[in-house]
Protein backbone atom coordinates (compact mmCIF):
# COMPACT_ATOMS: atom_id res chain seq x y z
CA MET A 1 97.84 72.80 95.44
CA ILE A 2 97.46 76.31 96.78
CA THR A 3 93.97 77.80 96.99
CA LYS A 4 92.88 81.29 95.97
CA GLN A 5 92.05 82.05 99.61
CA GLN A 6 95.51 80.96 100.78
CA VAL A 7 97.21 83.04 98.09
CA TRP A 8 95.05 86.10 98.83
CA LYS A 9 95.97 85.95 102.52
CA LEU A 10 99.67 85.29 101.84
CA TYR A 11 99.98 88.00 99.20
CA THR A 12 98.08 90.54 101.30
CA GLN A 13 100.58 89.95 104.12
CA TYR A 14 103.39 90.43 101.61
CA ALA A 15 101.79 93.60 100.17
CA ASN A 16 101.42 95.07 103.67
CA ALA A 17 105.21 95.02 103.98
CA TRP A 18 105.34 97.63 101.16
CA LYS A 19 103.53 100.16 103.34
CA PRO A 20 105.55 102.79 105.25
CA ASN A 21 107.48 100.53 107.64
CA SER A 22 111.01 100.45 108.97
CA ASP A 23 113.39 97.91 107.41
CA GLN A 24 113.29 95.99 110.69
CA VAL A 25 109.48 95.74 110.64
CA ARG A 26 109.50 94.83 106.93
CA THR A 27 112.07 92.10 107.47
CA LYS A 28 109.94 90.58 110.25
CA MET A 29 106.76 90.79 108.13
CA LEU A 30 108.50 89.16 105.18
CA ALA A 31 110.00 86.36 107.30
CA ASP A 32 106.43 85.21 107.89
CA VAL A 33 105.62 84.90 104.17
CA LEU A 34 108.87 84.35 102.23
CA ASP A 35 110.69 81.05 101.86
CA LYS A 36 114.37 80.95 102.85
CA ASP A 37 115.26 80.41 99.16
CA PHE A 38 113.13 83.36 97.98
CA HIS A 39 113.81 84.52 94.41
CA TYR A 40 112.67 87.95 93.11
CA PRO A 41 113.02 88.67 89.36
CA THR A 42 111.66 92.00 88.10
CA PRO A 43 112.00 93.79 84.73
CA GLU A 44 114.96 95.78 86.15
CA PHE A 45 116.91 93.15 88.12
CA GLU A 46 116.99 89.67 89.57
CA GLY A 47 117.65 89.10 93.26
CA GLY A 48 116.31 88.00 96.59
CA LEU A 49 115.32 89.55 99.90
CA ASP A 50 117.91 92.35 99.76
CA SER A 51 116.65 93.45 96.33
CA LEU A 52 113.07 93.32 97.57
CA LEU A 53 113.85 95.47 100.63
CA GLU A 54 115.64 97.96 98.40
CA GLY A 55 112.60 98.15 96.12
CA MET A 56 110.27 98.67 99.07
CA ALA A 57 112.33 101.57 100.38
CA GLY A 58 112.47 103.02 96.86
CA ILE A 59 108.69 102.99 96.46
CA GLN A 60 108.28 104.85 99.76
CA LYS A 61 110.70 107.52 98.50
CA LYS A 62 108.85 107.87 95.17
CA VAL A 63 105.31 107.56 96.59
CA PRO A 64 105.49 108.43 100.31
CA GLY A 65 102.68 106.66 102.13
CA GLY A 66 101.81 104.63 99.04
CA TYR A 67 100.74 101.02 99.31
CA PHE A 68 99.71 98.02 97.25
CA ASP A 69 96.27 96.44 97.05
CA VAL A 70 95.31 93.14 95.45
CA GLU A 71 92.73 93.35 92.67
CA ASP A 72 92.37 89.69 91.69
CA VAL A 73 93.98 86.24 91.89
CA SER A 74 94.08 83.06 89.84
CA THR A 75 95.77 79.82 90.91
CA HIS A 76 97.14 76.75 89.17
CA HIS A 77 98.73 74.06 91.34
CA ASP A 78 101.47 75.85 93.35
CA VAL A 79 101.50 78.98 91.15
CA ALA A 80 99.30 82.08 91.38
CA LEU A 81 98.84 85.13 89.19
CA LEU A 82 97.80 88.33 90.94
CA THR A 83 96.90 91.81 89.81
CA TRP A 84 98.27 94.53 92.07
CA LEU A 85 97.41 98.19 92.36
CA LEU A 86 99.87 100.84 93.55
CA VAL A 87 97.70 103.24 95.53
CA GLN A 88 98.58 106.77 96.64
CA PRO A 89 97.77 107.81 100.22
CA ASP A 90 94.62 109.61 99.01
CA GLY A 91 93.28 106.37 97.48
CA THR A 92 94.09 107.22 93.87
CA VAL A 93 95.43 104.25 91.87
CA LEU A 94 98.81 105.21 90.42
CA ALA A 95 99.68 101.96 88.60
CA LYS A 96 98.43 98.45 87.95
CA GLY A 97 100.59 95.39 87.31
CA HIS A 98 100.92 91.67 87.88
CA ASP A 99 102.91 89.26 90.00
CA GLN A 100 103.30 85.55 89.57
CA ILE A 101 104.14 83.72 92.77
CA GLN A 102 105.15 80.16 93.40
CA GLY A 103 104.32 78.68 96.77
CA SER A 104 106.53 76.35 98.76
CA PRO A 105 105.26 73.13 100.37
CA GLU A 106 105.37 75.07 103.68
CA GLY A 107 102.94 77.69 102.30
CA LYS A 108 105.44 80.51 101.78
CA ILE A 109 106.41 82.44 98.66
CA VAL A 110 109.48 80.86 97.07
CA SER A 111 109.45 82.93 93.89
CA LEU A 112 107.80 86.22 92.99
CA LEU A 113 108.02 87.30 89.36
CA THR A 114 106.98 90.95 89.03
CA PHE A 115 105.67 92.43 85.79
CA ALA A 116 105.96 96.15 85.16
CA PRO A 117 102.81 98.24 85.29
CA SER A 118 100.23 97.26 82.67
CA VAL A 119 99.34 99.40 79.70
CA SER A 120 96.04 99.21 77.82
CA GLN A 121 97.78 99.58 74.45
CA PRO A 122 101.49 99.08 73.77
């Protein structure tokens, strides 16, 4: 079982890789938190580390200096549900969404299912 504290720490390390970093720095940061069999499905595509790195670079082009914060976490065995906030450099929240992660026995993220930004009414 993975605890809320473990997930918070792991996901915060992952979220920090979305900040303005070089691909080399991102890759190193992600090696510390992602399992070798990492899987990354999003509403737009399904991939792995390469897709994730591409998405990270894309966010920095769309929202230069933007970053992600964690709003809350819930855990159930080896799965966690997190609410993320996309924050502009001035601190303004641009979007809010959710990720579901599955932890590996080694304490790394083996799967990260990203949900598009939330809406209050569809």
